[in-house]
PDB file of N, CA and C in Angstrom:
ATOM      1  N   MET A   1     -41.446  19.192  81.821  1.00  0.00           N
ATOM      2  CA  MET A   1     -41.232  18.056  82.686  1.00  0.00           C
ATOM      3  C   MET A   1     -41.938  16.849  82.084  1.00  0.00           C
ATOM      4  N   ALA A   2     -41.259  15.711  82.088  1.00  0.00           N
ATOM      5  CA  ALA A   2     -41.824  14.474  81.557  1.00  0.00           C
ATOM      6  C   ALA A   2     -42.724  13.829  82.598  1.00  0.00           C
ATOM      7  N   THR A   3     -43.651  13.030  82.144  1.00  0.00           N
ATOM      8  CA  THR A   3     -44.563  12.328  83.031  1.00  0.00           C
ATOM      9  C   THR A   3     -44.336  10.830  82.879  1.00  0.00           C
ATOM     10  N   ILE A   4     -44.305  10.120  84.006  1.00  0.00           N
ATOM     11  CA  ILE A   4     -44.242   8.663  83.977  1.00  0.00           C
ATOM     12  C   ILE A   4     -45.353   8.126  84.868  1.00  0.00           C
ATOM     13  N   THR A   5     -45.700   6.874  84.655  1.00  0.00           N
ATOM     14  CA  THR A   5     -46.713   6.215  85.467  1.00  0.00           C
ATOM     15  C   THR A   5     -46.057   5.055  86.192  1.00  0.00           C
ATOM     16  N   LEU A   6     -46.339   4.928  87.472  1.00  0.00           N
ATOM     17  CA  LEU A   6     -45.788   3.842  88.277  1.00  0.00           C
ATOM     18  C   LEU A   6     -46.905   2.917  88.724  1.00  0.00           C
ATOM     19  N   ALA A   7     -46.586   1.636  88.796  1.00  0.00           N
ATOM     20  CA  ALA A   7     -47.523   0.663  89.339  1.00  0.00           C
ATOM     21  C   ALA A   7     -47.045   0.301  90.747  1.00  0.00           C
ATOM     22  N   VAL A   8     -47.965   0.357  91.695  1.00  0.00           N
ATOM     23  CA  VAL A   8     -47.654  -0.034  93.075  1.00  0.00           C
ATOM     24  C   VAL A   8     -48.702  -1.041  93.530  1.00  0.00           C
ATOM     25  N   PRO A   9     -48.319  -1.927  94.441  1.00  0.00           N
ATOM     26  CA  PRO A   9     -49.308  -2.882  94.960  1.00  0.00           C
ATOM     27  C   PRO A   9     -50.468  -2.157  95.641  1.00  0.00           C
ATOM     28  N   ASP A  10     -51.627  -2.775  95.624  1.00  0.00           N
ATOM     29  CA  ASP A  10     -52.825  -2.171  96.220  1.00  0.00           C
ATOM     30  C   ASP A  10     -52.606  -1.765  97.672  1.00  0.00           C
ATOM     31  N   GLU A  11     -51.950  -2.625  98.454  1.00  0.00           N
ATOM     32  CA  GLU A  11     -51.722  -2.328  99.868  1.00  0.00           C
ATOM     33  C   GLU A  11     -50.883  -1.063 100.022  1.00  0.00           C
ATOM     34  N   LEU A  12     -49.855  -0.904  99.197  1.00  0.00           N
ATOM     35  CA  LEU A  12     -49.025   0.295  99.257  1.00  0.00           C
ATOM     36  C   LEU A  12     -49.846   1.529  98.890  1.00  0.00           C
ATOM     37  N   LYS A  13     -50.628   1.431  97.853  1.00  0.00           N
ATOM     38  CA  LYS A  13     -51.486   2.553  97.441  1.00  0.00           C
ATOM     39  C   LYS A  13     -52.434   2.934  98.575  1.00  0.00           C
ATOM     40  N   HIS A  14     -53.023   1.952  99.223  1.00  0.00           N
ATOM     41  CA  HIS A  14     -53.933   2.208 100.340  1.00  0.00           C
ATOM     42  C   HIS A  14     -53.215   2.964 101.465  1.00  0.00           C
ATOM     43  N   ARG A  15     -51.995   2.549 101.764  1.00  0.00           N
ATOM     44  CA  ARG A  15     -51.227   3.209 102.825  1.00  0.00           C
ATOM     45  C   ARG A  15     -50.831   4.627 102.408  1.00  0.00           C
ATOM     46  N   MET A  16     -50.499   4.805 101.139  1.00  0.00           N
ATOM     47  CA  MET A  16     -50.133   6.146 100.652  1.00  0.00           C
ATOM     48  C   MET A  16     -51.323   7.101 100.767  1.00  0.00           C
ATOM     49  N   VAL A  17     -52.499   6.618 100.416  1.00  0.00           N
ATOM     50  CA  VAL A  17     -53.707   7.442 100.453  1.00  0.00           C
ATOM     51  C   VAL A  17     -54.011   7.911 101.874  1.00  0.00           C
ATOM     52  N   SER A  18     -53.542   7.157 102.858  1.00  0.00           N
ATOM     53  CA  SER A  18     -53.804   7.543 104.246  1.00  0.00           C
ATOM     54  C   SER A  18     -52.959   8.749 104.681  1.00  0.00           C
ATOM     55  N   PHE A  19     -52.059   9.208 103.795  1.00  0.00           N
ATOM     56  CA  PHE A  19     -51.240  10.406 104.048  1.00  0.00           C
ATOM     57  C   PHE A  19     -51.436  11.403 102.904  1.00  0.00           C
ATOM     58  N   PRO A  20     -52.638  12.014 102.802  1.00  0.00           N
ATOM     59  CA  PRO A  20     -52.929  12.899 101.673  1.00  0.00           C
ATOM     60  C   PRO A  20     -52.074  14.165 101.650  1.00  0.00           C
ATOM     61  N   GLU A  21     -51.476  14.515 102.771  1.00  0.00           N
ATOM     62  CA  GLU A  21     -50.657  15.730 102.825  1.00  0.00           C
ATOM     63  C   GLU A  21     -49.290  15.537 102.163  1.00  0.00           C
ATOM     64  N   ILE A  22     -48.931  14.298 101.837  1.00  0.00           N
ATOM     65  CA  ILE A  22     -47.634  14.011 101.234  1.00  0.00           C
ATOM     66  C   ILE A  22     -47.723  14.110  99.713  1.00  0.00           C
ATOM     67  N   ASN A  23     -46.759  14.811  99.138  1.00  0.00           N
ATOM     68  CA  ASN A  23     -46.651  14.897  97.683  1.00  0.00           C
ATOM     69  C   ASN A  23     -45.833  13.681  97.222  1.00  0.00           C
ATOM     70  N   TRP A  24     -46.521  12.605  96.864  1.00  0.00           N
ATOM     71  CA  TRP A  24     -45.855  11.355  96.526  1.00  0.00           C
ATOM     72  C   TRP A  24     -45.016  11.472  95.264  1.00  0.00           C
ATOM     73  N   SER A  25     -45.389  12.363  94.364  1.00  0.00           N
ATOM     74  CA  SER A  25     -44.562  12.581  93.170  1.00  0.00           C
ATOM     75  C   SER A  25     -43.202  13.136  93.570  1.00  0.00           C
ATOM     76  N   GLU A  26     -43.179  14.046  94.538  1.00  0.00           N
ATOM     77  CA  GLU A  26     -41.912  14.608  95.010  1.00  0.00           C
ATOM     78  C   GLU A  26     -41.078  13.547  95.735  1.00  0.00           C
ATOM     79  N   VAL A  27     -41.739  12.710  96.519  1.00  0.00           N
ATOM     80  CA  VAL A  27     -41.036  11.625  97.197  1.00  0.00           C
ATOM     81  C   VAL A  27     -40.373  10.719  96.157  1.00  0.00           C
ATOM     82  N   ALA A  28     -41.106  10.390  95.106  1.00  0.00           N
ATOM     83  CA  ALA A  28     -40.556   9.533  94.050  1.00  0.00           C
ATOM     84  C   ALA A  28     -39.394  10.228  93.339  1.00  0.00           C
ATOM     85  N   ARG A  29     -39.551  11.517  93.011  1.00  0.00           N
ATOM     86  CA  ARG A  29     -38.465  12.264  92.352  1.00  0.00           C
ATOM     87  C   ARG A  29     -37.197  12.241  93.200  1.00  0.00           C
ATOM     88  N   GLN A  30     -37.346  12.507  94.484  1.00  0.00           N
ATOM     89  CA  GLN A  30     -36.183  12.519  95.375  1.00  0.00           C
ATOM     90  C   GLN A  30     -35.537  11.136  95.461  1.00  0.00           C
ATOM     91  N   SER A  31     -36.356  10.117  95.527  1.00  0.00           N
ATOM     92  CA  SER A  31     -35.844   8.750  95.597  1.00  0.00           C
ATOM     93  C   SER A  31     -35.101   8.383  94.313  1.00  0.00           C
ATOM     94  N   PHE A  32     -35.681   8.745  93.178  1.00  0.00           N
ATOM     95  CA  PHE A  32     -35.022   8.473  91.898  1.00  0.00           C
ATOM     96  C   PHE A  32     -33.678   9.197  91.828  1.00  0.00           C
ATOM     97  N   MET A  33     -33.656  10.459  92.246  1.00  0.00           N
ATOM     98  CA  MET A  33     -32.425  11.243  92.197  1.00  0.00           C
ATOM     99  C   MET A  33     -31.359  10.640  93.102  1.00  0.00           C
ATOM    100  N   GLN A  34     -31.739  10.234  94.312  1.00  0.00           N
ATOM    101  CA  GLN A  34     -30.771   9.636  95.230  1.00  0.00           C
ATOM    102  C   GLN A  34     -30.211   8.346  94.656  1.00  0.00           C
ATOM    103  N   LYS A  35     -31.072   7.525  94.070  1.00  0.00           N
ATOM    104  CA  LYS A  35     -30.618   6.260  93.494  1.00  0.00           C
ATOM    105  C   LYS A  35     -29.657   6.521  92.334  1.00  0.00           C
ATOM    106  N   ILE A  36     -29.969   7.488  91.487  1.00  0.00           N
ATOM    107  CA  ILE A  36     -29.090   7.829  90.366  1.00  0.00           C
ATOM    108  C   ILE A  36     -27.740   8.327  90.875  1.00  0.00           C
ATOM    109  N   GLU A  37     -27.750   9.180  91.898  1.00  0.00           N
ATOM    110  CA  GLU A  37     -26.493   9.681  92.466  1.00  0.00           C
ATOM    111  C   GLU A  37     -25.670   8.533  93.042  1.00  0.00           C
ATOM    112  N   ASP A  38     -26.320   7.596  93.722  1.00  0.00           N
ATOM    113  CA  ASP A  38     -25.622   6.439  94.273  1.00  0.00           C
ATOM    114  C   ASP A  38     -24.997   5.603  93.158  1.00  0.00           C
ATOM    115  N   LEU A  39     -25.760   5.358  92.101  1.00  0.00           N
ATOM    116  CA  LEU A  39     -25.262   4.554  90.990  1.00  0.00           C
ATOM    117  C   LEU A  39     -24.123   5.250  90.252  1.00  0.00           C
ATOM    118  N   GLU A  40     -24.230   6.575  90.073  1.00  0.00           N
ATOM    119  CA  GLU A  40     -23.148   7.318  89.426  1.00  0.00           C
ATOM    120  C   GLU A  40     -21.877   7.269  90.270  1.00  0.00           C
ATOM    121  N   PHE A  41     -22.022   7.377  91.590  1.00  0.00           N
ATOM    122  CA  PHE A  41     -20.861   7.277  92.477  1.00  0.00           C
ATOM    123  C   PHE A  41     -20.214   5.900  92.336  1.00  0.00           C
ATOM    124  N   LEU A  42     -21.035   4.846  92.364  1.00  0.00           N
ATOM    125  CA  LEU A  42     -20.498   3.496  92.241  1.00  0.00           C
ATOM    126  C   LEU A  42     -19.821   3.284  90.889  1.00  0.00           C
ATOM    127  N   ARG A  43     -20.417   3.813  89.844  1.00  0.00           N
ATOM    128  CA  ARG A  43     -19.822   3.696  88.510  1.00  0.00           C
ATOM    129  C   ARG A  43     -18.455   4.372  88.478  1.00  0.00           C
ATOM    130  N   LYS A  44     -18.369   5.566  89.040  1.00  0.00           N
ATOM    131  CA  LYS A  44     -17.102   6.297  89.074  1.00  0.00           C
ATOM    132  C   LYS A  44     -16.083   5.556  89.931  1.00  0.00           C
ATOM    133  N   PHE A  45     -16.512   5.071  91.094  1.00  0.00           N
ATOM    134  CA  PHE A  45     -15.633   4.328  91.988  1.00  0.00           C
ATOM    135  C   PHE A  45     -15.112   3.072  91.294  1.00  0.00           C
ATOM    136  N   LYS A  46     -16.022   2.362  90.632  1.00  0.00           N
ATOM    137  CA  LYS A  46     -15.656   1.121  89.942  1.00  0.00           C
ATOM    138  C   LYS A  46     -14.657   1.388  88.824  1.00  0.00           C
ATOM    139  N   SER A  47     -14.838   2.473  88.103  1.00  0.00           N
ATOM    140  CA  SER A  47     -13.949   2.763  86.975  1.00  0.00           C
ATOM    141  C   SER A  47     -12.527   3.059  87.437  1.00  0.00           C
ATOM    142  N   LYS A  48     -12.360   3.516  88.683  1.00  0.00           N
ATOM    143  CA  LYS A  48     -11.039   3.842  89.212  1.00  0.00           C
ATOM    144  C   LYS A  48     -10.454   2.717  90.062  1.00  0.00           C
ATOM    145  N   SER A  49     -11.233   1.687  90.317  1.00  0.00           N
ATOM    146  CA  SER A  49     -10.805   0.615  91.209  1.00  0.00           C
ATOM    147  C   SER A  49      -9.881  -0.361  90.485  1.00  0.00           C
ATOM    148  N   THR A  50      -8.903  -0.861  91.229  1.00  0.00           N
ATOM    149  CA  THR A  50      -8.019  -1.887  90.689  1.00  0.00           C
ATOM    150  C   THR A  50      -8.316  -3.248  91.304  1.00  0.00           C
ATOM    151  N   LEU A  51      -9.359  -3.314  92.156  1.00  0.00           N
ATOM    152  CA  LEU A  51      -9.740  -4.581  92.774  1.00  0.00           C
ATOM    153  C   LEU A  51     -10.358  -5.512  91.736  1.00  0.00           C
ATOM    154  N   THR A  52     -10.072  -6.791  91.885  1.00  0.00           N
ATOM    155  CA  THR A  52     -10.781  -7.774  91.074  1.00  0.00           C
ATOM    156  C   THR A  52     -12.175  -7.957  91.672  1.00  0.00           C
ATOM    157  N   GLU A  53     -13.058  -8.580  90.921  1.00  0.00           N
ATOM    158  CA  GLU A  53     -14.407  -8.816  91.442  1.00  0.00           C
ATOM    159  C   GLU A  53     -14.347  -9.692  92.693  1.00  0.00           C
ATOM    160  N   GLU A  54     -13.469 -10.686  92.678  1.00  0.00           N
ATOM    161  CA  GLU A  54     -13.326 -11.575  93.836  1.00  0.00           C
ATOM    162  C   GLU A  54     -12.843 -10.797  95.062  1.00  0.00           C
ATOM    163  N   GLU A  55     -11.873  -9.912  94.893  1.00  0.00           N
ATOM    164  CA  GLU A  55     -11.365  -9.107  96.002  1.00  0.00           C
ATOM    165  C   GLU A  55     -12.449  -8.177  96.542  1.00  0.00           C
ATOM    166  N   ALA A  56     -13.215  -7.584  95.640  1.00  0.00           N
ATOM    167  CA  ALA A  56     -14.281  -6.675  96.055  1.00  0.00           C
ATOM    168  C   ALA A  56     -15.354  -7.422  96.847  1.00  0.00           C
ATOM    169  N   LEU A  57     -15.707  -8.623  96.397  1.00  0.00           N
ATOM    170  CA  LEU A  57     -16.710  -9.411  97.114  1.00  0.00           C
ATOM    171  C   LEU A  57     -16.203  -9.813  98.496  1.00  0.00           C
ATOM    172  N   LYS A  58     -14.933 -10.194  98.604  1.00  0.00           N
ATOM    173  CA  LYS A  58     -14.359 -10.552  99.898  1.00  0.00           C
ATOM    174  C   LYS A  58     -14.335  -9.339 100.815  1.00  0.00           C
ATOM    175  N   LEU A  59     -13.941  -8.189 100.291  1.00  0.00           N
ATOM    176  CA  LEU A  59     -13.919  -6.964 101.083  1.00  0.00           C
ATOM    177  C   LEU A  59     -15.323  -6.640 101.600  1.00  0.00           C
ATOM    178  N   GLY A  60     -16.330  -6.742 100.737  1.00  0.00           N
ATOM    179  CA  GLY A  60     -17.713  -6.490 101.148  1.00  0.00           C
ATOM    180  C   GLY A  60     -18.182  -7.467 102.204  1.00  0.00           C
ATOM    181  N   ASP A  61     -17.819  -8.735 102.045  1.00  0.00           N
ATOM    182  CA  ASP A  61     -18.195  -9.761 103.022  1.00  0.00           C
ATOM    183  C   ASP A  61     -17.533  -9.485 104.372  1.00  0.00           C
ATOM    184  N   ASP A  62     -16.240  -9.157 104.347  1.00  0.00           N
ATOM    185  CA  ASP A  62     -15.525  -8.840 105.594  1.00  0.00           C
ATOM    186  C   ASP A  62     -16.140  -7.631 106.293  1.00  0.00           C
ATOM    187  N   LEU A  63     -16.465  -6.608 105.521  1.00  0.00           N
ATOM    188  CA  LEU A  63     -17.069  -5.397 106.083  1.00  0.00           C
ATOM    189  C   LEU A  63     -18.429  -5.710 106.704  1.00  0.00           C
ATOM    190  N   SER A  64     -19.229  -6.497 106.014  1.00  0.00           N
ATOM    191  CA  SER A  64     -20.548  -6.868 106.536  1.00  0.00           C
ATOM    192  C   SER A  64     -20.427  -7.601 107.863  1.00  0.00           C
ATOM    193  N   LYS A  65     -19.465  -8.522 107.941  1.00  0.00           N
ATOM    194  CA  LYS A  65     -19.268  -9.274 109.185  1.00  0.00           C
ATOM    195  C   LYS A  65     -18.843  -8.352 110.324  1.00  0.00           C
ATOM    196  N   LYS A  66     -17.948  -7.409 110.034  1.00  0.00           N
ATOM    197  CA  LYS A  66     -17.487  -6.483 111.075  1.00  0.00           C
ATOM    198  C   LYS A  66     -18.624  -5.575 111.538  1.00  0.00           C
ATOM    199  N   LEU A  67     -19.411  -5.083 110.592  1.00  0.00           N
ATOM    200  CA  LEU A  67     -20.539  -4.223 110.966  1.00  0.00           C
ATOM    201  C   LEU A  67     -21.570  -5.001 111.772  1.00  0.00           C
ATOM    202  N   ALA A  68     -21.855  -6.224 111.343  1.00  0.00           N
ATOM    203  CA  ALA A  68     -22.822  -7.050 112.076  1.00  0.00           C
ATOM    204  C   ALA A  68     -22.315  -7.280 113.497  1.00  0.00           C
ATOM    205  N   GLY A  69     -21.037  -7.557 113.647  1.00  0.00           N
ATOM    206  CA  GLY A  69     -20.464  -7.782 114.971  1.00  0.00           C
ATOM    207  C   GLY A  69     -20.563  -6.548 115.839  1.00  0.00           C
ATOM    208  N   ARG A  70     -20.352  -5.387 115.242  1.00  0.00           N
ATOM    209  CA  ARG A  70     -20.435  -4.142 115.994  1.00  0.00           C
ATOM    210  C   ARG A  70     -21.851  -3.903 116.496  1.00  0.00           C
ATOM    211  N   TYR A  71     -22.846  -4.101 115.629  1.00  0.00           N
ATOM    212  CA  TYR A  71     -24.219  -3.851 116.026  1.00  0.00           C
ATOM    213  C   TYR A  71     -24.724  -4.869 117.034  1.00  0.00           C
ATOM    214  N   VAL A  72     -24.284  -6.109 116.915  1.00  0.00           N
ATOM    215  CA  VAL A  72     -24.699  -7.132 117.869  1.00  0.00           C
ATOM    216  C   VAL A  72     -24.125  -6.806 119.243  1.00  0.00           C
ATOM    217  N   SER A  73     -22.857  -6.379 119.297  1.00  0.00           N
ATOM    218  CA  SER A  73     -22.255  -6.070 120.591  1.00  0.00           C
ATOM    219  C   SER A  73     -22.848  -4.796 121.189  1.00  0.00           C
ATOM    220  N   ASP A  74     -23.331  -3.859 120.361  1.00  0.00           N
ATOM    221  CA  ASP A  74     -23.965  -2.627 120.860  1.00  0.00           C
ATOM    222  C   ASP A  74     -25.308  -2.911 121.512  1.00  0.00           C
ATOM    223  N   GLU A  75     -25.977  -3.983 121.117  1.00  0.00           N
ATOM    224  CA  GLU A  75     -27.312  -4.305 121.629  1.00  0.00           C
ATOM    225  C   GLU A  75     -27.244  -4.961 122.996  1.00  0.00           C
ATOM    226  N   LYS A  76     -26.089  -5.436 123.396  1.00  0.00           N
ATOM    227  CA  LYS A  76     -25.965  -6.143 124.676  1.00  0.00           C
ATOM    228  C   LYS A  76     -25.973  -5.196 125.845  1.00  0.00           C
TER     229      LYS A  76
END
């Protein structure tokens, strides 16, 4: 297994230390793996997509607006 070193802000380190029962290396490994899986999915999706960048941005904007509207109406 390879070893890497991460730099975190002092405040984050202080908060992490307050949970000594947590294996922070495992948390980081899981987070890295999830991010890689997400990026691989997006790469695969992008390679099969026929949308232009402009169409994709509009679709994302429309989706964001619809989701925001749904959550705002749920809070009422």
